[in-house]
Amino acid sequence: VVGAFFLALATAMGGGIIRDMILGVESSTFNDPYHLTT
């Protein structure tokens, strides 16, 4: 189950996090509780 959570987190948010890093902007991934809740 723990592995499943990290795979889900990586798949759902990994692309957005990388994009924000490249664009040089703050990622909202961990600032928005609704995404993690989802």
PDB file of all heavy atoms in Angstrom:
ATOM      1  N   VAL A   1       0.824  -1.209   0.000  1.00  0.00           N
ATOM      2  CA  VAL A   1       0.000   0.000   0.000  1.00  0.00           C
ATOM      3  C   VAL A   1       0.862   1.265   0.000  1.00  0.00           C
ATOM      4  O   VAL A   1       0.544   2.249  -0.676  1.00  0.00           O
ATOM      5  CB  VAL A   1      -0.954   0.003   1.215  1.00  0.00           C
ATOM      6  CG1 VAL A   1      -1.745   1.302   1.270  1.00  0.00           C
ATOM      7  CG2 VAL A   1      -1.908  -1.175   1.139  1.00  0.00           C
ATOM      8  N   VAL A   2       1.963   1.237   0.760  1.00  0.00           N
ATOM      9  CA  VAL A   2       2.855   2.404   0.794  1.00  0.00           C
ATOM     10  C   VAL A   2       3.488   2.615  -0.582  1.00  0.00           C
ATOM     11  O   VAL A   2       3.561   3.747  -1.088  1.00  0.00           O
ATOM     12  CB  VAL A   2       3.953   2.225   1.865  1.00  0.00           C
ATOM     13  CG1 VAL A   2       4.940   3.390   1.809  1.00  0.00           C
ATOM     14  CG2 VAL A   2       3.320   2.135   3.246  1.00  0.00           C
ATOM     15  N   GLY A   3       3.925   1.538  -1.198  1.00  0.00           N
ATOM     16  CA  GLY A   3       4.484   1.635  -2.536  1.00  0.00           C
ATOM     17  C   GLY A   3       3.468   2.156  -3.528  1.00  0.00           C
ATOM     18  O   GLY A   3       3.794   2.950  -4.422  1.00  0.00           O
ATOM     19  N   ALA A   4       2.226   1.711  -3.366  1.00  0.00           N
ATOM     20  CA  ALA A   4       1.154   2.163  -4.255  1.00  0.00           C
ATOM     21  C   ALA A   4       0.941   3.667  -4.125  1.00  0.00           C
ATOM     22  O   ALA A   4       0.739   4.366  -5.123  1.00  0.00           O
ATOM     23  CB  ALA A   4      -0.142   1.423  -3.927  1.00  0.00           C
ATOM     24  N   PHE A   5       1.006   4.171  -2.885  1.00  0.00           N
ATOM     25  CA  PHE A   5       0.824   5.606  -2.672  1.00  0.00           C
ATOM     26  C   PHE A   5       1.920   6.400  -3.372  1.00  0.00           C
ATOM     27  O   PHE A   5       1.647   7.403  -4.037  1.00  0.00           O
ATOM     28  CB  PHE A   5       0.818   5.926  -1.174  1.00  0.00           C
ATOM     29  CG  PHE A   5       0.830   7.399  -0.885  1.00  0.00           C
ATOM     30  CD1 PHE A   5      -0.328   8.144  -1.014  1.00  0.00           C
ATOM     31  CD2 PHE A   5       1.999   8.045  -0.511  1.00  0.00           C
ATOM     32  CE1 PHE A   5      -0.332   9.515  -0.763  1.00  0.00           C
ATOM     33  CE2 PHE A   5       2.011   9.403  -0.251  1.00  0.00           C
ATOM     34  CZ  PHE A   5       0.841  10.139  -0.389  1.00  0.00           C
ATOM     35  N   PHE A   6       3.172   5.960  -3.240  1.00  0.00           N
ATOM     36  CA  PHE A   6       4.270   6.706  -3.850  1.00  0.00           C
ATOM     37  C   PHE A   6       4.239   6.617  -5.374  1.00  0.00           C
ATOM     38  O   PHE A   6       4.581   7.581  -6.065  1.00  0.00           O
ATOM     39  CB  PHE A   6       5.612   6.232  -3.295  1.00  0.00           C
ATOM     40  CG  PHE A   6       5.931   6.824  -1.956  1.00  0.00           C
ATOM     41  CD1 PHE A   6       5.803   6.080  -0.802  1.00  0.00           C
ATOM     42  CD2 PHE A   6       6.337   8.151  -1.847  1.00  0.00           C
ATOM     43  CE1 PHE A   6       6.078   6.630   0.450  1.00  0.00           C
ATOM     44  CE2 PHE A   6       6.616   8.714  -0.608  1.00  0.00           C
ATOM     45  CZ  PHE A   6       6.488   7.953   0.539  1.00  0.00           C
ATOM     46  N   LEU A   7       3.808   5.469  -5.904  1.00  0.00           N
ATOM     47  CA  LEU A   7       3.669   5.373  -7.353  1.00  0.00           C
ATOM     48  C   LEU A   7       2.552   6.289  -7.839  1.00  0.00           C
ATOM     49  O   LEU A   7       2.673   6.945  -8.882  1.00  0.00           O
ATOM     50  CB  LEU A   7       3.379   3.926  -7.776  1.00  0.00           C
ATOM     51  CG  LEU A   7       4.556   2.955  -7.795  1.00  0.00           C
ATOM     52  CD1 LEU A   7       4.110   1.603  -8.328  1.00  0.00           C
ATOM     53  CD2 LEU A   7       5.710   3.497  -8.645  1.00  0.00           C
ATOM     54  N   ALA A   8       1.452   6.322  -7.089  1.00  0.00           N
ATOM     55  CA  ALA A   8       0.338   7.198  -7.448  1.00  0.00           C
ATOM     56  C   ALA A   8       0.765   8.660  -7.388  1.00  0.00           C
ATOM     57  O   ALA A   8       0.463   9.455  -8.288  1.00  0.00           O
ATOM     58  CB  ALA A   8      -0.848   6.957  -6.507  1.00  0.00           C
ATOM     59  N   LEU A   9       1.499   9.019  -6.341  1.00  0.00           N
ATOM     60  CA  LEU A   9       1.970  10.390  -6.171  1.00  0.00           C
ATOM     61  C   LEU A   9       2.928  10.782  -7.298  1.00  0.00           C
ATOM     62  O   LEU A   9       2.814  11.875  -7.880  1.00  0.00           O
ATOM     63  CB  LEU A   9       2.674  10.527  -4.822  1.00  0.00           C
ATOM     64  CG  LEU A   9       3.116  11.933  -4.411  1.00  0.00           C
ATOM     65  CD1 LEU A   9       1.893  12.824  -4.165  1.00  0.00           C
ATOM     66  CD2 LEU A   9       3.986  11.870  -3.157  1.00  0.00           C
ATOM     67  N   ALA A  10       3.843   9.881  -7.632  1.00  0.00           N
ATOM     68  CA  ALA A  10       4.822  10.168  -8.684  1.00  0.00           C
ATOM     69  C   ALA A  10       4.150  10.330 -10.037  1.00  0.00           C
ATOM     70  O   ALA A  10       4.471  11.240 -10.809  1.00  0.00           O
ATOM     71  CB  ALA A  10       5.863   9.048  -8.743  1.00  0.00           C
ATOM     72  N   THR A  11       3.192   9.457 -10.327  1.00  0.00           N
ATOM     73  CA  THR A  11       2.525   9.494 -11.630  1.00  0.00           C
ATOM     74  C   THR A  11       1.641  10.723 -11.765  1.00  0.00           C
ATOM     75  O   THR A  11       1.625  11.386 -12.813  1.00  0.00           O
ATOM     76  CB  THR A  11       1.671   8.230 -11.834  1.00  0.00           C
ATOM     77  OG1 THR A  11       2.469   7.065 -11.593  1.00  0.00           O
ATOM     78  CG2 THR A  11       1.120   8.174 -13.250  1.00  0.00           C
ATOM     79  N   ALA A  12       0.899  11.038 -10.708  1.00  0.00           N
ATOM     80  CA  ALA A  12      -0.064  12.134 -10.777  1.00  0.00           C
ATOM     81  C   ALA A  12       0.584  13.509 -10.690  1.00  0.00           C
ATOM     82  O   ALA A  12       0.079  14.474 -11.266  1.00  0.00           O
ATOM     83  CB  ALA A  12      -1.100  11.976  -9.661  1.00  0.00           C
ATOM     84  N   MET A  13       1.684  13.619  -9.971  1.00  0.00           N
ATOM     85  CA  MET A  13       2.258  14.943  -9.709  1.00  0.00           C
ATOM     86  C   MET A  13       3.684  15.128 -10.204  1.00  0.00           C
ATOM     87  O   MET A  13       4.185  16.255 -10.248  1.00  0.00           O
ATOM     88  CB  MET A  13       2.208  15.221  -8.199  1.00  0.00           C
ATOM     89  CG  MET A  13       0.806  15.222  -7.651  1.00  0.00           C
ATOM     90  SD  MET A  13       0.773  15.693  -5.905  1.00  0.00           S
ATOM     91  CE  MET A  13      -0.993  15.663  -5.595  1.00  0.00           C
ATOM     92  N   GLY A  14       4.337  14.048 -10.584  1.00  0.00           N
ATOM     93  CA  GLY A  14       5.733  14.134 -10.988  1.00  0.00           C
ATOM     94  C   GLY A  14       5.962  15.051 -12.174  1.00  0.00           C
ATOM     95  O   GLY A  14       6.894  15.865 -12.178  1.00  0.00           O
ATOM     96  N   GLY A  15       5.115  14.938 -13.196  1.00  0.00           N
ATOM     97  CA  GLY A  15       5.273  15.763 -14.382  1.00  0.00           C
ATOM     98  C   GLY A  15       5.122  17.242 -14.086  1.00  0.00           C
ATOM     99  O   GLY A  15       5.886  18.081 -14.578  1.00  0.00           O
ATOM    100  N   GLY A  16       4.138  17.578 -13.271  1.00  0.00           N
ATOM    101  CA  GLY A  16       3.908  18.976 -12.901  1.00  0.00           C
ATOM    102  C   GLY A  16       5.042  19.558 -12.082  1.00  0.00           C
ATOM    103  O   GLY A  16       5.428  20.722 -12.257  1.00  0.00           O
ATOM    104  N   ILE A  17       5.596  18.743 -11.196  1.00  0.00           N
ATOM    105  CA  ILE A  17       6.709  19.206 -10.366  1.00  0.00           C
ATOM    106  C   ILE A  17       7.937  19.490 -11.234  1.00  0.00           C
ATOM    107  O   ILE A  17       8.597  20.524 -11.086  1.00  0.00           O
ATOM    108  CB  ILE A  17       7.042  18.168  -9.282  1.00  0.00           C
ATOM    109  CG1 ILE A  17       5.900  18.071  -8.268  1.00  0.00           C
ATOM    110  CG2 ILE A  17       8.349  18.522  -8.568  1.00  0.00           C
ATOM    111  CD1 ILE A  17       6.057  16.955  -7.261  1.00  0.00           C
ATOM    112  N   ILE A  18       8.241  18.578 -12.154  1.00  0.00           N
ATOM    113  CA  ILE A  18       9.388  18.776 -13.046  1.00  0.00           C
ATOM    114  C   ILE A  18       9.180  20.013 -13.908  1.00  0.00           C
ATOM    115  O   ILE A  18      10.090  20.824 -14.099  1.00  0.00           O
ATOM    116  CB  ILE A  18       9.601  17.536 -13.931  1.00  0.00           C
ATOM    117  CG1 ILE A  18       9.958  16.325 -13.078  1.00  0.00           C
ATOM    118  CG2 ILE A  18      10.698  17.799 -14.965  1.00  0.00           C
ATOM    119  CD1 ILE A  18      10.021  15.030 -13.854  1.00  0.00           C
ATOM    120  N   ARG A  19       7.964  20.168 -14.428  1.00  0.00           N
ATOM    121  CA  ARG A  19       7.646  21.345 -15.255  1.00  0.00           C
ATOM    122  C   ARG A  19       7.896  22.633 -14.488  1.00  0.00           C
ATOM    123  O   ARG A  19       8.528  23.564 -14.994  1.00  0.00           O
ATOM    124  CB  ARG A  19       6.191  21.288 -15.703  1.00  0.00           C
ATOM    125  CG  ARG A  19       5.704  22.516 -16.474  1.00  0.00           C
ATOM    126  CD  ARG A  19       4.211  22.669 -16.329  1.00  0.00           C
ATOM    127  NE  ARG A  19       3.823  22.930 -14.956  1.00  0.00           N
ATOM    128  CZ  ARG A  19       2.707  22.454 -14.389  1.00  0.00           C
ATOM    129  NH1 ARG A  19       1.859  21.719 -15.077  1.00  0.00           N
ATOM    130  NH2 ARG A  19       2.438  22.741 -13.124  1.00  0.00           N
ATOM    131  N   ASP A  20       7.402  22.695 -13.262  1.00  0.00           N
ATOM    132  CA  ASP A  20       7.566  23.917 -12.465  1.00  0.00           C
ATOM    133  C   ASP A  20       9.030  24.194 -12.147  1.00  0.00           C
ATOM    134  O   ASP A  20       9.460  25.353 -12.112  1.00  0.00           O
ATOM    135  CB  ASP A  20       6.750  23.804 -11.180  1.00  0.00           C
ATOM    136  CG  ASP A  20       5.250  23.847 -11.433  1.00  0.00           C
ATOM    137  OD1 ASP A  20       4.845  24.324 -12.508  1.00  0.00           O
ATOM    138  OD2 ASP A  20       4.488  23.400 -10.555  1.00  0.00           O
ATOM    139  N   MET A  21       9.800  23.142 -11.919  1.00  0.00           N
ATOM    140  CA  MET A  21      11.230  23.322 -11.665  1.00  0.00           C
ATOM    141  C   MET A  21      11.927  23.909 -12.900  1.00  0.00           C
ATOM    142  O   MET A  21      12.749  24.822 -12.784  1.00  0.00           O
ATOM    143  CB  MET A  21      11.872  21.981 -11.287  1.00  0.00           C
ATOM    144  CG  MET A  21      11.464  21.457  -9.923  1.00  0.00           C
ATOM    145  SD  MET A  21      12.134  19.797  -9.592  1.00  0.00           S
ATOM    146  CE  MET A  21      13.892  20.128  -9.639  1.00  0.00           C
ATOM    147  N   ILE A  22      11.580  23.394 -14.070  1.00  0.00           N
ATOM    148  CA  ILE A  22      12.201  23.881 -15.300  1.00  0.00           C
ATOM    149  C   ILE A  22      11.776  25.318 -15.593  1.00  0.00           C
ATOM    150  O   ILE A  22      12.595  26.146 -16.023  1.00  0.00           O
ATOM    151  CB  ILE A  22      11.831  22.963 -16.482  1.00  0.00           C
ATOM    152  CG1 ILE A  22      12.494  21.591 -16.294  1.00  0.00           C
ATOM    153  CG2 ILE A  22      12.251  23.582 -17.814  1.00  0.00           C
ATOM    154  CD1 ILE A  22      12.101  20.573 -17.327  1.00  0.00           C
ATOM    155  N   LEU A  23      10.515  25.628 -15.347  1.00  0.00           N
ATOM    156  CA  LEU A  23      10.007  26.976 -15.602  1.00  0.00           C
ATOM    157  C   LEU A  23      10.422  27.965 -14.518  1.00  0.00           C
ATOM    158  O   LEU A  23      10.234  29.171 -14.662  1.00  0.00           O
ATOM    159  CB  LEU A  23       8.481  26.955 -15.719  1.00  0.00           C
ATOM    160  CG  LEU A  23       7.908  26.202 -16.929  1.00  0.00           C
ATOM    161  CD1 LEU A  23       6.386  26.222 -16.887  1.00  0.00           C
ATOM    162  CD2 LEU A  23       8.412  26.794 -18.241  1.00  0.00           C
ATOM    163  N   GLY A  24      10.965  27.450 -13.421  1.00  0.00           N
ATOM    164  CA  GLY A  24      11.447  28.321 -12.354  1.00  0.00           C
ATOM    165  C   GLY A  24      10.360  28.953 -11.514  1.00  0.00           C
ATOM    166  O   GLY A  24      10.509  30.085 -11.049  1.00  0.00           O
ATOM    167  N   VAL A  25       9.263  28.211 -11.307  1.00  0.00           N
ATOM    168  CA  VAL A  25       8.171  28.732 -10.481  1.00  0.00           C
ATOM    169  C   VAL A  25       7.918  27.787  -9.314  1.00  0.00           C
ATOM    170  O   VAL A  25       8.275  26.607  -9.352  1.00  0.00           O
ATOM    171  CB  VAL A  25       6.877  28.897 -11.310  1.00  0.00           C
ATOM    172  CG1 VAL A  25       7.078  29.924 -12.403  1.00  0.00           C
ATOM    173  CG2 VAL A  25       6.419  27.569 -11.903  1.00  0.00           C
ATOM    174  N   GLU A  26       7.297  28.319  -8.287  1.00  0.00           N
ATOM    175  CA  GLU A  26       6.975  27.510  -7.113  1.00  0.00           C
ATOM    176  C   GLU A  26       5.872  26.517  -7.454  1.00  0.00           C
ATOM    177  O   GLU A  26       4.861  26.871  -8.049  1.00  0.00           O
ATOM    178  CB  GLU A  26       6.516  28.407  -5.970  1.00  0.00           C
ATOM    179  CG  GLU A  26       6.203  27.644  -4.692  1.00  0.00           C
ATOM    180  CD  GLU A  26       5.738  28.553  -3.565  1.00  0.00           C
ATOM    181  OE1 GLU A  26       5.730  29.785  -3.771  1.00  0.00           O
ATOM    182  OE2 GLU A  26       5.393  28.032  -2.494  1.00  0.00           O
ATOM    183  N   SER A  27       6.081  25.273  -7.094  1.00  0.00           N
ATOM    184  CA  SER A  27       5.080  24.243  -7.345  1.00  0.00           C
ATOM    185  C   SER A  27       4.015  24.278  -6.260  1.00  0.00           C
ATOM    186  O   SER A  27       4.326  24.406  -5.072  1.00  0.00           O
ATOM    187  CB  SER A  27       5.730  22.860  -7.385  1.00  0.00           C
ATOM    188  OG  SER A  27       4.758  21.860  -7.599  1.00  0.00           O
ATOM    189  N   SER A  28       2.776  24.164  -6.674  1.00  0.00           N
ATOM    190  CA  SER A  28       1.663  24.194  -5.724  1.00  0.00           C
ATOM    191  C   SER A  28       1.297  22.798  -5.225  1.00  0.00           C
ATOM    192  O   SER A  28       0.374  22.642  -4.428  1.00  0.00           O
ATOM    193  CB  SER A  28       0.434  24.830  -6.382  1.00  0.00           C
ATOM    194  OG  SER A  28       0.023  24.056  -7.500  1.00  0.00           O
ATOM    195  N   THR A  29       2.044  21.803  -5.666  1.00  0.00           N
ATOM    196  CA  THR A  29       1.701  20.412  -5.364  1.00  0.00           C
ATOM    197  C   THR A  29       1.502  20.161  -3.879  1.00  0.00           C
ATOM    198  O   THR A  29       0.513  19.565  -3.458  1.00  0.00           O
ATOM    199  CB  THR A  29       2.786  19.470  -5.898  1.00  0.00           C
ATOM    200  OG1 THR A  29       2.861  19.613  -7.318  1.00  0.00           O
ATOM    201  CG2 THR A  29       2.459  18.025  -5.559  1.00  0.00           C
ATOM    202  N   PHE A  30       2.439  20.615  -3.066  1.00  0.00           N
ATOM    203  CA  PHE A  30       2.380  20.312  -1.641  1.00  0.00           C
ATOM    204  C   PHE A  30       1.764  21.452  -0.825  1.00  0.00           C
ATOM    205  O   PHE A  30       1.693  21.372   0.402  1.00  0.00           O
ATOM    206  CB  PHE A  30       3.781  19.981  -1.127  1.00  0.00           C
ATOM    207  CG  PHE A  30       4.373  18.761  -1.776  1.00  0.00           C
ATOM    208  CD1 PHE A  30       5.368  18.875  -2.738  1.00  0.00           C
ATOM    209  CD2 PHE A  30       3.907  17.504  -1.453  1.00  0.00           C
ATOM    210  CE1 PHE A  30       5.903  17.754  -3.348  1.00  0.00           C
ATOM    211  CE2 PHE A  30       4.430  16.372  -2.057  1.00  0.00           C
ATOM    212  CZ  PHE A  30       5.429  16.495  -3.009  1.00  0.00           C
ATOM    213  N   ASN A  31       1.349  22.501  -1.513  1.00  0.00           N
ATOM    214  CA  ASN A  31       0.672  23.600  -0.832  1.00  0.00           C
ATOM    215  C   ASN A  31      -0.848  23.501  -0.941  1.00  0.00           C
ATOM    216  O   ASN A  31      -1.555  24.258  -0.280  1.00  0.00           O
ATOM    217  CB  ASN A  31       1.131  24.942  -1.416  1.00  0.00           C
ATOM    218  CG  ASN A  31       2.604  25.212  -1.172  1.00  0.00           C
ATOM    219  OD1 ASN A  31       3.132  24.800  -0.153  1.00  0.00           O
ATOM    220  ND2 ASN A  31       3.252  25.882  -2.106  1.00  0.00           N
ATOM    221  N   ASP A  32      -1.301  22.593  -1.774  1.00  0.00           N
ATOM    222  CA  ASP A  32      -2.738  22.432  -2.002  1.00  0.00           C
ATOM    223  C   ASP A  32      -3.193  21.096  -1.413  1.00  0.00           C
ATOM    224  O   ASP A  32      -2.876  20.042  -1.965  1.00  0.00           O
ATOM    225  CB  ASP A  32      -3.033  22.477  -3.504  1.00  0.00           C
ATOM    226  CG  ASP A  32      -4.523  22.413  -3.811  1.00  0.00           C
ATOM    227  OD1 ASP A  32      -5.313  22.142  -2.877  1.00  0.00           O
ATOM    228  OD2 ASP A  32      -4.899  22.635  -4.966  1.00  0.00           O
ATOM    229  N   PRO A  33      -3.907  21.115  -0.310  1.00  0.00           N
ATOM    230  CA  PRO A  33      -4.307  19.856   0.338  1.00  0.00           C
ATOM    231  C   PRO A  33      -5.243  19.008  -0.507  1.00  0.00           C
ATOM    232  O   PRO A  33      -5.313  17.787  -0.337  1.00  0.00           O
ATOM    233  CB  PRO A  33      -5.011  20.329   1.618  1.00  0.00           C
ATOM    234  CG  PRO A  33      -5.475  21.713   1.300  1.00  0.00           C
ATOM    235  CD  PRO A  33      -4.421  22.296   0.406  1.00  0.00           C
ATOM    236  N   TYR A  34      -5.946  19.627  -1.452  1.00  0.00           N
ATOM    237  CA  TYR A  34      -6.913  18.872  -2.249  1.00  0.00           C
ATOM    238  C   TYR A  34      -6.228  17.915  -3.222  1.00  0.00           C
ATOM    239  O   TYR A  34      -6.765  16.846  -3.537  1.00  0.00           O
ATOM    240  CB  TYR A  34      -7.836  19.831  -2.999  1.00  0.00           C
ATOM    241  CG  TYR A  34      -8.728  20.624  -2.072  1.00  0.00           C
ATOM    242  CD1 TYR A  34      -8.501  21.972  -1.833  1.00  0.00           C
ATOM    243  CD2 TYR A  34      -9.790  20.004  -1.400  1.00  0.00           C
ATOM    244  CE1 TYR A  34      -9.305  22.696  -0.966  1.00  0.00           C
ATOM    245  CE2 TYR A  34     -10.598  20.715  -0.531  1.00  0.00           C
ATOM    246  CZ  TYR A  34     -10.356  22.056  -0.320  1.00  0.00           C
ATOM    247  OH  TYR A  34     -11.139  22.771   0.553  1.00  0.00           O
ATOM    248  N   HIS A  35      -5.053  18.281  -3.700  1.00  0.00           N
ATOM    249  CA  HIS A  35      -4.335  17.378  -4.592  1.00  0.00           C
ATOM    250  C   HIS A  35      -3.858  16.131  -3.842  1.00  0.00           C
ATOM    251  O   HIS A  35      -4.020  15.006  -4.330  1.00  0.00           O
ATOM    252  CB  HIS A  35      -3.151  18.099  -5.237  1.00  0.00           C
ATOM    253  CG  HIS A  35      -3.529  18.964  -6.398  1.00  0.00           C
ATOM    254  ND1 HIS A  35      -3.875  20.285  -6.256  1.00  0.00           N
ATOM    255  CD2 HIS A  35      -3.649  18.696  -7.720  1.00  0.00           C
ATOM    256  CE1 HIS A  35      -4.175  20.796  -7.433  1.00  0.00           C
ATOM    257  NE2 HIS A  35      -4.051  19.856  -8.336  1.00  0.00           N
ATOM    258  N   LEU A  36      -3.287  16.342  -2.671  1.00  0.00           N
ATOM    259  CA  LEU A  36      -2.826  15.197  -1.886  1.00  0.00           C
ATOM    260  C   LEU A  36      -4.003  14.349  -1.413  1.00  0.00           C
ATOM    261  O   LEU A  36      -3.917  13.116  -1.378  1.00  0.00           O
ATOM    262  CB  LEU A  36      -2.005  15.682  -0.691  1.00  0.00           C
ATOM    263  CG  LEU A  36      -0.637  16.280  -1.024  1.00  0.00           C
ATOM    264  CD1 LEU A  36       0.032  16.819   0.228  1.00  0.00           C
ATOM    265  CD2 LEU A  36       0.257  15.241  -1.688  1.00  0.00           C
ATOM    266  N   THR A  37      -5.107  15.010  -1.084  1.00  0.00           N
ATOM    267  CA  THR A  37      -6.312  14.271  -0.696  1.00  0.00           C
ATOM    268  C   THR A  37      -6.810  13.422  -1.854  1.00  0.00           C
ATOM    269  O   THR A  37      -7.240  12.276  -1.663  1.00  0.00           O
ATOM    270  CB  THR A  37      -7.428  15.253  -0.258  1.00  0.00           C
ATOM    271  OG1 THR A  37      -6.963  16.018   0.851  1.00  0.00           O
ATOM    272  CG2 THR A  37      -8.687  14.486   0.134  1.00  0.00           C
ATOM    273  N   THR A  38      -6.737  13.963  -3.060  1.00  0.00           N
ATOM    274  CA  THR A  38      -7.160  13.218  -4.243  1.00  0.00           C
ATOM    275  C   THR A  38      -6.291  11.986  -4.451  1.00  0.00           C
ATOM    276  O   THR A  38      -6.781  10.923  -4.847  1.00  0.00           O
ATOM    277  CB  THR A  38      -7.098  14.121  -5.499  1.00  0.00           C
ATOM    278  OG1 THR A  38      -7.939  15.254  -5.304  1.00  0.00           O
ATOM    279  CG2 THR A  38      -7.551  13.366  -6.740  1.00  0.00           C
TER     280      THR A  38
END
